[in-house]
Amino acid sequence: MLNLLLAVLCSVLIGNLLMVFNRNPDSDIRYIFLGNYIVAALFSLIIALPGRITFSGFDIWFGVLTGFLFLANFAIYQKNILTNGLSLSVGTMRVAVIIPTLIAVVWFTERMGLMNVVGILVILSAFSIVTDTKKLHNLFWLLLLFIISGLTESTLKIYSELGNSNQNPFLFMIFTSAGVFTLLWIIAGRRKLNLLSLSYGFALGVPNQLSSLFFLKGLKTVPATAAYPIYASGVVLLSILSDILIWRKVFTVKQRIALGLLVCGVLLVSLSR
């Protein structure tokens, strides 16, 4: 459970750093992500150096696939924000935890207790409350976001079951391939070099790598049927707290109700273990 908490803290730190970086009108998100992937890949390599570094065929091809999904998920998320609005897009990404949870049950035969099911339903209901379906414009992009987000989240569970005990070579392949795909995206868009945004990305690299590493470690001790809902809810809960304490955001009644449901849902999923 400690690893899951550390993964949540790293994810929330990333979100808050992006809030700071995006306040600069000269920032370029593509270069931010390129810098992030460069540092994350190097950090994965550095922390693996004390031991023997070996790459299996599965590390390589599955790492490249996962890296592509990481970037594709981001691009589709950006498209959905423009098409369907922020609330609906974020809600869809969080509800997508259904996919890795079902994969854990069907493929890896993990069991779900009654309290676990109730907790997940409570969490999903909380996300639905703060999701504004009135802004729905394009169902195709929303369904694509749901599928790609779910598959992206599922890759870590699949690797924790089928991959090596040393996750750093796999993480190196993820971030290296995602960086290459991002660079190709920059070249295709003919974006000018933005050193400031690149340096912003450098600051994101370490917490981004650690969030994936801690989550992979967490999956070794916590069933995916509990880990994914707890992680998704934890990120939302701490993000709300940071909005209140750091960004001085005032929440609506619906958002407060959703916050209470998230707390109840996390408790139910945790107790089900």
C-alpha atoms as a PDB file:
ATOM      1  CA  MET A   1       0.000   0.000   0.000  1.00  0.00           C
ATOM      2  CA  LEU A   2       2.944   2.339   0.682  1.00  0.00           C
ATOM      3  CA  ASN A   3       4.078   2.044  -2.945  1.00  0.00           C
ATOM      4  CA  LEU A   4       0.602   3.007  -4.154  1.00  0.00           C
ATOM      5  CA  LEU A   5       0.631   6.058  -1.897  1.00  0.00           C
ATOM      6  CA  LEU A   6       4.051   7.093  -3.249  1.00  0.00           C
ATOM      7  CA  ALA A   7       2.757   6.614  -6.819  1.00  0.00           C
ATOM      8  CA  VAL A   8      -0.223   8.859  -6.036  1.00  0.00           C
ATOM      9  CA  LEU A   9       2.044  11.548  -4.520  1.00  0.00           C
ATOM     10  CA  CYS A  10       4.285  11.535  -7.594  1.00  0.00           C
ATOM     11  CA  SER A  11       1.282  11.792  -9.930  1.00  0.00           C
ATOM     12  CA  VAL A  12      -0.191  14.719  -7.997  1.00  0.00           C
ATOM     13  CA  LEU A  13       3.215  16.443  -7.991  1.00  0.00           C
ATOM     14  CA  ILE A  14       3.312  16.085 -11.795  1.00  0.00           C
ATOM     15  CA  GLY A  15      -0.159  17.606 -12.080  1.00  0.00           C
ATOM     16  CA  ASN A  16       0.775  20.606  -9.966  1.00  0.00           C
ATOM     17  CA  LEU A  17       4.023  21.172 -11.853  1.00  0.00           C
ATOM     18  CA  LEU A  18       2.073  21.125 -15.130  1.00  0.00           C
ATOM     19  CA  MET A  19      -0.291  23.709 -13.644  1.00  0.00           C
ATOM     20  CA  VAL A  20       2.705  25.970 -12.999  1.00  0.00           C
ATOM     21  CA  PHE A  21       4.296  25.368 -16.407  1.00  0.00           C
ATOM     22  CA  ASN A  22       1.069  25.908 -18.353  1.00  0.00           C
ATOM     23  CA  ARG A  23       0.724  29.378 -16.836  1.00  0.00           C
ATOM     24  CA  ASN A  24       3.562  30.451 -19.097  1.00  0.00           C
ATOM     25  CA  PRO A  25       2.015  31.348 -22.494  1.00  0.00           C
ATOM     26  CA  ASP A  26       5.313  30.539 -24.220  1.00  0.00           C
ATOM     27  CA  SER A  27       5.375  26.910 -23.037  1.00  0.00           C
ATOM     28  CA  ASP A  28       5.010  24.118 -25.603  1.00  0.00           C
ATOM     29  CA  ILE A  29       3.473  20.917 -24.229  1.00  0.00           C
ATOM     30  CA  ARG A  30       5.194  18.728 -26.817  1.00  0.00           C
ATOM     31  CA  TYR A  31       8.640  19.893 -25.708  1.00  0.00           C
ATOM     32  CA  ILE A  32       7.606  19.533 -22.074  1.00  0.00           C
ATOM     33  CA  PHE A  33       6.772  15.901 -22.716  1.00  0.00           C
ATOM     34  CA  LEU A  34       9.973  15.359 -24.723  1.00  0.00           C
ATOM     35  CA  GLY A  35      12.112  16.653 -21.849  1.00  0.00           C
ATOM     36  CA  ASN A  36      10.093  14.559 -19.420  1.00  0.00           C
ATOM     37  CA  TYR A  37      10.650  11.345 -21.393  1.00  0.00           C
ATOM     38  CA  ILE A  38      14.386  12.025 -21.818  1.00  0.00           C
ATOM     39  CA  VAL A  39      14.975  12.385 -18.070  1.00  0.00           C
ATOM     40  CA  ALA A  40      12.604   9.532 -17.164  1.00  0.00           C
ATOM     41  CA  ALA A  41      14.474   7.191 -19.533  1.00  0.00           C
ATOM     42  CA  LEU A  42      17.895   8.239 -18.206  1.00  0.00           C
ATOM     43  CA  PHE A  43      16.725   7.923 -14.595  1.00  0.00           C
ATOM     44  CA  SER A  44      15.407   4.407 -15.291  1.00  0.00           C
ATOM     45  CA  LEU A  45      18.814   3.498 -16.690  1.00  0.00           C
ATOM     46  CA  ILE A  46      20.772   5.077 -13.829  1.00  0.00           C
ATOM     47  CA  ILE A  47      18.891   3.335 -11.011  1.00  0.00           C
ATOM     48  CA  ALA A  48      19.315   0.027 -12.844  1.00  0.00           C
ATOM     49  CA  LEU A  49      23.097   0.422 -13.211  1.00  0.00           C
ATOM     50  CA  PRO A  50      24.205  -1.065  -9.839  1.00  0.00           C
ATOM     51  CA  GLY A  51      22.947  -4.437 -11.082  1.00  0.00           C
ATOM     52  CA  ARG A  52      23.146  -6.275 -14.354  1.00  0.00           C
ATOM     53  CA  ILE A  53      21.030  -4.662 -17.078  1.00  0.00           C
ATOM     54  CA  THR A  54      19.402  -7.142 -19.425  1.00  0.00           C
ATOM     55  CA  PHE A  55      16.593  -6.586 -21.894  1.00  0.00           C
ATOM     56  CA  SER A  56      14.313  -9.463 -22.775  1.00  0.00           C
ATOM     57  CA  GLY A  57      12.422  -9.518 -26.051  1.00  0.00           C
ATOM     58  CA  PHE A  58       9.247  -8.886 -24.068  1.00  0.00           C
ATOM     59  CA  ASP A  59      10.836  -5.814 -22.396  1.00  0.00           C
ATOM     60  CA  ILE A  60      11.634  -4.347 -25.808  1.00  0.00           C
ATOM     61  CA  TRP A  61       8.481  -4.911 -27.864  1.00  0.00           C
ATOM     62  CA  PHE A  62       6.037  -4.455 -24.998  1.00  0.00           C
ATOM     63  CA  GLY A  63       7.931  -1.369 -23.803  1.00  0.00           C
ATOM     64  CA  VAL A  64       7.719   0.203 -27.267  1.00  0.00           C
ATOM     65  CA  LEU A  65       3.997  -0.604 -27.468  1.00  0.00           C
ATOM     66  CA  THR A  66       3.405   0.891 -24.023  1.00  0.00           C
ATOM     67  CA  GLY A  67       5.413   4.001 -24.907  1.00  0.00           C
ATOM     68  CA  PHE A  68       3.258   4.502 -27.988  1.00  0.00           C
ATOM     69  CA  LEU A  69       0.098   4.086 -25.887  1.00  0.00           C
ATOM     70  CA  PHE A  70       1.388   6.630 -23.339  1.00  0.00           C
ATOM     71  CA  LEU A  71       1.749   9.276 -26.040  1.00  0.00           C
ATOM     72  CA  ALA A  72      -1.418   8.273 -27.952  1.00  0.00           C
ATOM     73  CA  ASN A  73      -3.433   8.516 -24.747  1.00  0.00           C
ATOM     74  CA  PHE A  74      -2.151  12.045 -24.172  1.00  0.00           C
ATOM     75  CA  ALA A  75      -2.897  13.150 -27.741  1.00  0.00           C
ATOM     76  CA  ILE A  76      -6.435  11.709 -27.641  1.00  0.00           C
ATOM     77  CA  TYR A  77      -6.990  13.302 -24.222  1.00  0.00           C
ATOM     78  CA  GLN A  78      -6.000  16.696 -25.659  1.00  0.00           C
ATOM     79  CA  LYS A  79      -8.395  16.178 -28.575  1.00  0.00           C
ATOM     80  CA  ASN A  80     -11.231  15.298 -26.209  1.00  0.00           C
ATOM     81  CA  ILE A  81     -10.679  18.414 -24.121  1.00  0.00           C
ATOM     82  CA  LEU A  82     -11.199  20.498 -27.253  1.00  0.00           C
ATOM     83  CA  THR A  83     -14.150  18.405 -28.452  1.00  0.00           C
ATOM     84  CA  ASN A  84     -16.000  17.370 -25.288  1.00  0.00           C
ATOM     85  CA  GLY A  85     -14.636  19.613 -22.545  1.00  0.00           C
ATOM     86  CA  LEU A  86     -12.320  19.030 -19.567  1.00  0.00           C
ATOM     87  CA  SER A  87     -14.850  17.560 -17.131  1.00  0.00           C
ATOM     88  CA  LEU A  88     -16.090  14.829 -19.442  1.00  0.00           C
ATOM     89  CA  SER A  89     -12.563  13.983 -20.610  1.00  0.00           C
ATOM     90  CA  VAL A  90     -11.141  13.632 -17.088  1.00  0.00           C
ATOM     91  CA  GLY A  91     -14.167  11.638 -15.963  1.00  0.00           C
ATOM     92  CA  THR A  92     -13.790   9.246 -18.904  1.00  0.00           C
ATOM     93  CA  MET A  93     -10.092   8.669 -18.145  1.00  0.00           C
ATOM     94  CA  ARG A  94     -10.837   7.856 -14.507  1.00  0.00           C
ATOM     95  CA  VAL A  95     -13.775   5.542 -15.345  1.00  0.00           C
ATOM     96  CA  ALA A  96     -11.422   3.672 -17.713  1.00  0.00           C
ATOM     97  CA  VAL A  97      -9.991   1.876 -14.644  1.00  0.00           C
ATOM     98  CA  ILE A  98     -12.811  -0.581 -15.360  1.00  0.00           C
ATOM     99  CA  ILE A  99     -10.704  -2.074 -18.184  1.00  0.00           C
ATOM    100  CA  PRO A 100      -7.564  -3.041 -16.185  1.00  0.00           C
ATOM    101  CA  THR A 101      -9.784  -4.177 -13.320  1.00  0.00           C
ATOM    102  CA  LEU A 102     -11.725  -6.520 -15.617  1.00  0.00           C
ATOM    103  CA  ILE A 103      -8.484  -7.763 -17.190  1.00  0.00           C
ATOM    104  CA  ALA A 104      -7.226  -8.650 -13.715  1.00  0.00           C
ATOM    105  CA  VAL A 105     -10.402 -10.613 -13.015  1.00  0.00           C
ATOM    106  CA  VAL A 106     -10.817 -12.357 -16.387  1.00  0.00           C
ATOM    107  CA  TRP A 107      -7.219 -12.871 -17.517  1.00  0.00           C
ATOM    108  CA  PHE A 108      -5.339 -13.169 -14.224  1.00  0.00           C
ATOM    109  CA  THR A 109      -8.252 -14.662 -12.239  1.00  0.00           C
ATOM    110  CA  GLU A 110      -8.123 -12.168  -9.390  1.00  0.00           C
ATOM    111  CA  ARG A 111     -11.145 -12.261  -7.130  1.00  0.00           C
ATOM    112  CA  MET A 112     -13.445  -9.398  -6.250  1.00  0.00           C
ATOM    113  CA  GLY A 113     -15.327  -9.427  -2.986  1.00  0.00           C
ATOM    114  CA  LEU A 114     -18.710  -7.794  -2.491  1.00  0.00           C
ATOM    115  CA  MET A 115     -17.188  -4.834  -0.626  1.00  0.00           C
ATOM    116  CA  ASN A 116     -14.688  -4.427  -3.463  1.00  0.00           C
ATOM    117  CA  VAL A 117     -17.462  -4.249  -6.065  1.00  0.00           C
ATOM    118  CA  VAL A 118     -19.486  -1.796  -3.954  1.00  0.00           C
ATOM    119  CA  GLY A 119     -16.402   0.392  -3.440  1.00  0.00           C
ATOM    120  CA  ILE A 120     -15.661   0.516  -7.172  1.00  0.00           C
ATOM    121  CA  LEU A 121     -19.299   1.385  -7.949  1.00  0.00           C
ATOM    122  CA  VAL A 122     -19.197   4.193  -5.369  1.00  0.00           C
ATOM    123  CA  ILE A 123     -15.991   5.555  -6.931  1.00  0.00           C
ATOM    124  CA  LEU A 124     -17.479   5.425 -10.442  1.00  0.00           C
ATOM    125  CA  SER A 125     -20.608   7.199  -9.228  1.00  0.00           C
ATOM    126  CA  ALA A 126     -18.404   9.965  -7.791  1.00  0.00           C
ATOM    127  CA  PHE A 127     -16.720  10.447 -11.162  1.00  0.00           C
ATOM    128  CA  SER A 128     -20.108  10.532 -12.909  1.00  0.00           C
ATOM    129  CA  ILE A 129     -21.344  13.301 -10.598  1.00  0.00           C
ATOM    130  CA  VAL A 130     -18.563  15.701 -11.580  1.00  0.00           C
ATOM    131  CA  THR A 131     -18.713  14.762 -15.271  1.00  0.00           C
ATOM    132  CA  ASP A 132     -20.777  17.202 -17.316  1.00  0.00           C
ATOM    133  CA  THR A 133     -22.442  15.069 -20.012  1.00  0.00           C
ATOM    134  CA  LYS A 134     -24.150  18.174 -21.442  1.00  0.00           C
ATOM    135  CA  LYS A 135     -20.836  19.039 -23.109  1.00  0.00           C
ATOM    136  CA  LEU A 136     -20.781  15.795 -25.116  1.00  0.00           C
ATOM    137  CA  HIS A 137     -20.128  16.590 -28.787  1.00  0.00           C
ATOM    138  CA  ASN A 138     -18.349  13.598 -30.289  1.00  0.00           C
ATOM    139  CA  LEU A 139     -18.989  10.101 -28.950  1.00  0.00           C
ATOM    140  CA  PHE A 140     -16.274   8.540 -31.154  1.00  0.00           C
ATOM    141  CA  TRP A 141     -13.427  10.462 -29.486  1.00  0.00           C
ATOM    142  CA  LEU A 142     -14.882   9.772 -26.048  1.00  0.00           C
ATOM    143  CA  LEU A 143     -15.034   6.017 -26.662  1.00  0.00           C
ATOM    144  CA  LEU A 144     -11.515   6.090 -28.110  1.00  0.00           C
ATOM    145  CA  LEU A 145     -10.244   7.874 -24.983  1.00  0.00           C
ATOM    146  CA  PHE A 146     -11.958   5.295 -22.758  1.00  0.00           C
ATOM    147  CA  ILE A 147     -10.396   2.364 -24.647  1.00  0.00           C
ATOM    148  CA  ILE A 148      -6.871   3.805 -25.007  1.00  0.00           C
ATOM    149  CA  SER A 149      -6.786   5.027 -21.382  1.00  0.00           C
ATOM    150  CA  GLY A 150      -7.896   1.616 -20.146  1.00  0.00           C
ATOM    151  CA  LEU A 151      -5.358  -0.229 -22.309  1.00  0.00           C
ATOM    152  CA  THR A 152      -2.572   2.138 -21.251  1.00  0.00           C
ATOM    153  CA  GLU A 153      -3.346   1.529 -17.578  1.00  0.00           C
ATOM    154  CA  SER A 154      -3.553  -2.218 -18.217  1.00  0.00           C
ATOM    155  CA  THR A 155      -0.011  -2.483 -19.600  1.00  0.00           C
ATOM    156  CA  LEU A 156       1.529  -2.100 -16.145  1.00  0.00           C
ATOM    157  CA  LYS A 157      -0.594  -4.928 -14.735  1.00  0.00           C
ATOM    158  CA  ILE A 158       0.244  -7.167 -17.692  1.00  0.00           C
ATOM    159  CA  TYR A 159       3.958  -6.519 -17.254  1.00  0.00           C
ATOM    160  CA  SER A 160       3.823  -7.092 -13.491  1.00  0.00           C
ATOM    161  CA  GLU A 161       2.437 -10.570 -14.217  1.00  0.00           C
ATOM    162  CA  LEU A 162       4.400 -11.554 -17.334  1.00  0.00           C
ATOM    163  CA  GLY A 163       7.571  -9.450 -17.182  1.00  0.00           C
ATOM    164  CA  ASN A 164      10.817  -9.560 -15.207  1.00  0.00           C
ATOM    165  CA  SER A 165      11.147  -8.758 -11.521  1.00  0.00           C
ATOM    166  CA  ASN A 166      13.467  -5.855 -12.440  1.00  0.00           C
ATOM    167  CA  GLN A 167      11.122  -3.276 -13.948  1.00  0.00           C
ATOM    168  CA  ASN A 168      13.733  -0.613 -14.818  1.00  0.00           C
ATOM    169  CA  PRO A 169      14.706  -1.985 -18.283  1.00  0.00           C
ATOM    170  CA  PHE A 170      10.998  -2.057 -19.166  1.00  0.00           C
ATOM    171  CA  LEU A 171      10.509   1.502 -17.905  1.00  0.00           C
ATOM    172  CA  PHE A 172      13.575   2.590 -19.876  1.00  0.00           C
ATOM    173  CA  MET A 173      12.015   1.175 -23.036  1.00  0.00           C
ATOM    174  CA  ILE A 174       8.666   2.863 -22.297  1.00  0.00           C
ATOM    175  CA  PHE A 175      10.106   6.337 -21.852  1.00  0.00           C
ATOM    176  CA  THR A 176      12.701   6.017 -24.610  1.00  0.00           C
ATOM    177  CA  SER A 177      10.110   4.937 -27.185  1.00  0.00           C
ATOM    178  CA  ALA A 178       7.629   7.578 -25.962  1.00  0.00           C
ATOM    179  CA  GLY A 179      10.398  10.174 -26.339  1.00  0.00           C
ATOM    180  CA  VAL A 180      11.141   9.028 -29.904  1.00  0.00           C
ATOM    181  CA  PHE A 181       7.451   9.149 -30.820  1.00  0.00           C
ATOM    182  CA  THR A 182       7.180  12.633 -29.270  1.00  0.00           C
ATOM    183  CA  LEU A 183      10.206  13.812 -31.259  1.00  0.00           C
ATOM    184  CA  LEU A 184       8.603  12.524 -34.465  1.00  0.00           C
ATOM    185  CA  TRP A 185       5.402  14.368 -33.492  1.00  0.00           C
ATOM    186  CA  ILE A 186       7.412  17.579 -33.029  1.00  0.00           C
ATOM    187  CA  ILE A 187       9.145  17.149 -36.385  1.00  0.00           C
ATOM    188  CA  ALA A 188       5.860  16.391 -38.156  1.00  0.00           C
ATOM    189  CA  GLY A 189       4.329  19.534 -36.651  1.00  0.00           C
ATOM    190  CA  ARG A 190       7.423  21.605 -37.530  1.00  0.00           C
ATOM    191  CA  ARG A 191       7.592  23.002 -34.000  1.00  0.00           C
ATOM    192  CA  LYS A 192      10.446  25.398 -33.264  1.00  0.00           C
ATOM    193  CA  LEU A 193      12.927  24.466 -30.536  1.00  0.00           C
ATOM    194  CA  ASN A 194      11.668  25.631 -27.143  1.00  0.00           C
ATOM    195  CA  LEU A 195      14.436  25.289 -24.546  1.00  0.00           C
ATOM    196  CA  LEU A 196      12.283  26.663 -21.721  1.00  0.00           C
ATOM    197  CA  SER A 197       9.612  24.010 -22.260  1.00  0.00           C
ATOM    198  CA  LEU A 198      12.303  21.350 -22.587  1.00  0.00           C
ATOM    199  CA  SER A 199      13.689  22.375 -19.182  1.00  0.00           C
ATOM    200  CA  TYR A 200      10.171  22.207 -17.728  1.00  0.00           C
ATOM    201  CA  GLY A 201       9.993  18.642 -18.984  1.00  0.00           C
ATOM    202  CA  PHE A 202      13.300  17.804 -17.312  1.00  0.00           C
ATOM    203  CA  ALA A 203      11.699  18.667 -13.958  1.00  0.00           C
ATOM    204  CA  LEU A 204       8.851  16.209 -14.631  1.00  0.00           C
ATOM    205  CA  GLY A 205      11.022  13.262 -15.622  1.00  0.00           C
ATOM    206  CA  VAL A 206      11.973  11.889 -12.201  1.00  0.00           C
ATOM    207  CA  PRO A 207       8.487  12.007 -10.562  1.00  0.00           C
ATOM    208  CA  ASN A 208       6.986  10.577 -13.758  1.00  0.00           C
ATOM    209  CA  GLN A 209       9.380   7.641 -13.736  1.00  0.00           C
ATOM    210  CA  LEU A 210       8.847   7.082 -10.009  1.00  0.00           C
ATOM    211  CA  SER A 211       5.053   7.137 -10.335  1.00  0.00           C
ATOM    212  CA  SER A 212       5.217   4.208 -12.787  1.00  0.00           C
ATOM    213  CA  LEU A 213       7.894   2.399 -10.790  1.00  0.00           C
ATOM    214  CA  PHE A 214       6.017   2.683  -7.483  1.00  0.00           C
ATOM    215  CA  PHE A 215       2.755   1.604  -9.117  1.00  0.00           C
ATOM    216  CA  LEU A 216       4.437  -1.485 -10.616  1.00  0.00           C
ATOM    217  CA  LYS A 217       5.845  -2.326  -7.183  1.00  0.00           C
ATOM    218  CA  GLY A 218       2.413  -1.756  -5.655  1.00  0.00           C
ATOM    219  CA  LEU A 219       0.849  -4.273  -8.046  1.00  0.00           C
ATOM    220  CA  LYS A 220       3.171  -6.914  -6.593  1.00  0.00           C
ATOM    221  CA  THR A 221       1.510  -6.646  -3.179  1.00  0.00           C
ATOM    222  CA  VAL A 222      -1.974  -5.214  -3.840  1.00  0.00           C
ATOM    223  CA  PRO A 223      -4.466  -6.936  -6.199  1.00  0.00           C
ATOM    224  CA  ALA A 224      -5.188  -4.926  -9.329  1.00  0.00           C
ATOM    225  CA  THR A 225      -8.905  -4.994  -8.503  1.00  0.00           C
ATOM    226  CA  ALA A 226      -8.050  -2.798  -5.502  1.00  0.00           C
ATOM    227  CA  ALA A 227      -4.884  -1.046  -6.739  1.00  0.00           C
ATOM    228  CA  TYR A 228      -6.420   0.692  -9.768  1.00  0.00           C
ATOM    229  CA  PRO A 229      -9.489   2.171  -8.012  1.00  0.00           C
ATOM    230  CA  ILE A 230      -7.372   3.239  -5.016  1.00  0.00           C
ATOM    231  CA  TYR A 231      -4.747   4.845  -7.262  1.00  0.00           C
ATOM    232  CA  ALA A 232      -7.293   6.686  -9.445  1.00  0.00           C
ATOM    233  CA  SER A 233      -9.251   7.913  -6.434  1.00  0.00           C
ATOM    234  CA  GLY A 234      -6.107   8.858  -4.532  1.00  0.00           C
ATOM    235  CA  VAL A 235      -4.925  11.026  -7.408  1.00  0.00           C
ATOM    236  CA  VAL A 236      -8.307  12.761  -7.586  1.00  0.00           C
ATOM    237  CA  LEU A 237      -8.524  13.246  -3.801  1.00  0.00           C
ATOM    238  CA  LEU A 238      -5.056  14.748  -3.407  1.00  0.00           C
ATOM    239  CA  SER A 239      -5.517  16.834  -6.538  1.00  0.00           C
ATOM    240  CA  ILE A 240      -8.662  18.311  -4.984  1.00  0.00           C
ATOM    241  CA  LEU A 241      -6.773  19.019  -1.755  1.00  0.00           C
ATOM    242  CA  SER A 242      -3.952  20.693  -3.667  1.00  0.00           C
ATOM    243  CA  ASP A 243      -6.545  22.763  -5.536  1.00  0.00           C
ATOM    244  CA  ILE A 244      -7.915  23.952  -2.190  1.00  0.00           C
ATOM    245  CA  LEU A 245      -4.631  24.503  -0.352  1.00  0.00           C
ATOM    246  CA  ILE A 246      -2.358  25.677  -3.179  1.00  0.00           C
ATOM    247  CA  TRP A 247      -4.570  27.073  -5.927  1.00  0.00           C
ATOM    248  CA  ARG A 248      -7.355  28.357  -3.627  1.00  0.00           C
ATOM    249  CA  LYS A 249     -10.096  26.799  -5.717  1.00  0.00           C
ATOM    250  CA  VAL A 250     -13.684  26.879  -4.412  1.00  0.00           C
ATOM    251  CA  PHE A 251     -15.716  23.727  -5.078  1.00  0.00           C
ATOM    252  CA  THR A 252     -19.388  23.358  -5.884  1.00  0.00           C
ATOM    253  CA  VAL A 253     -21.854  21.265  -3.897  1.00  0.00           C
ATOM    254  CA  LYS A 254     -21.667  18.486  -6.532  1.00  0.00           C
ATOM    255  CA  GLN A 255     -17.880  18.408  -6.265  1.00  0.00           C
ATOM    256  CA  ARG A 256     -18.065  18.163  -2.461  1.00  0.00           C
ATOM    257  CA  ILE A 257     -20.513  15.264  -2.707  1.00  0.00           C
ATOM    258  CA  ALA A 258     -18.186  13.543  -5.177  1.00  0.00           C
ATOM    259  CA  LEU A 259     -15.268  14.060  -2.779  1.00  0.00           C
ATOM    260  CA  GLY A 260     -17.208  12.374   0.031  1.00  0.00           C
ATOM    261  CA  LEU A 261     -18.122   9.449  -2.232  1.00  0.00           C
ATOM    262  CA  LEU A 262     -14.482   9.034  -3.292  1.00  0.00           C
ATOM    263  CA  VAL A 263     -13.401   8.798   0.342  1.00  0.00           C
ATOM    264  CA  CYS A 264     -16.096   6.196   1.064  1.00  0.00           C
ATOM    265  CA  GLY A 265     -15.202   4.257  -2.081  1.00  0.00           C
ATOM    266  CA  VAL A 266     -11.493   4.117  -1.237  1.00  0.00           C
ATOM    267  CA  LEU A 267     -12.297   2.943   2.300  1.00  0.00           C
ATOM    268  CA  LEU A 268     -14.573   0.192   0.987  1.00  0.00           C
ATOM    269  CA  VAL A 269     -12.008  -1.022  -1.551  1.00  0.00           C
ATOM    270  CA  SER A 270      -9.265  -0.952   1.094  1.00  0.00           C
ATOM    271  CA  LEU A 271     -11.367  -2.799   3.679  1.00  0.00           C
ATOM    272  CA  SER A 272     -12.261  -5.454   1.108  1.00  0.00           C
ATOM    273  CA  ARG A 273      -8.671  -6.632   1.276  1.00  0.00           C
END
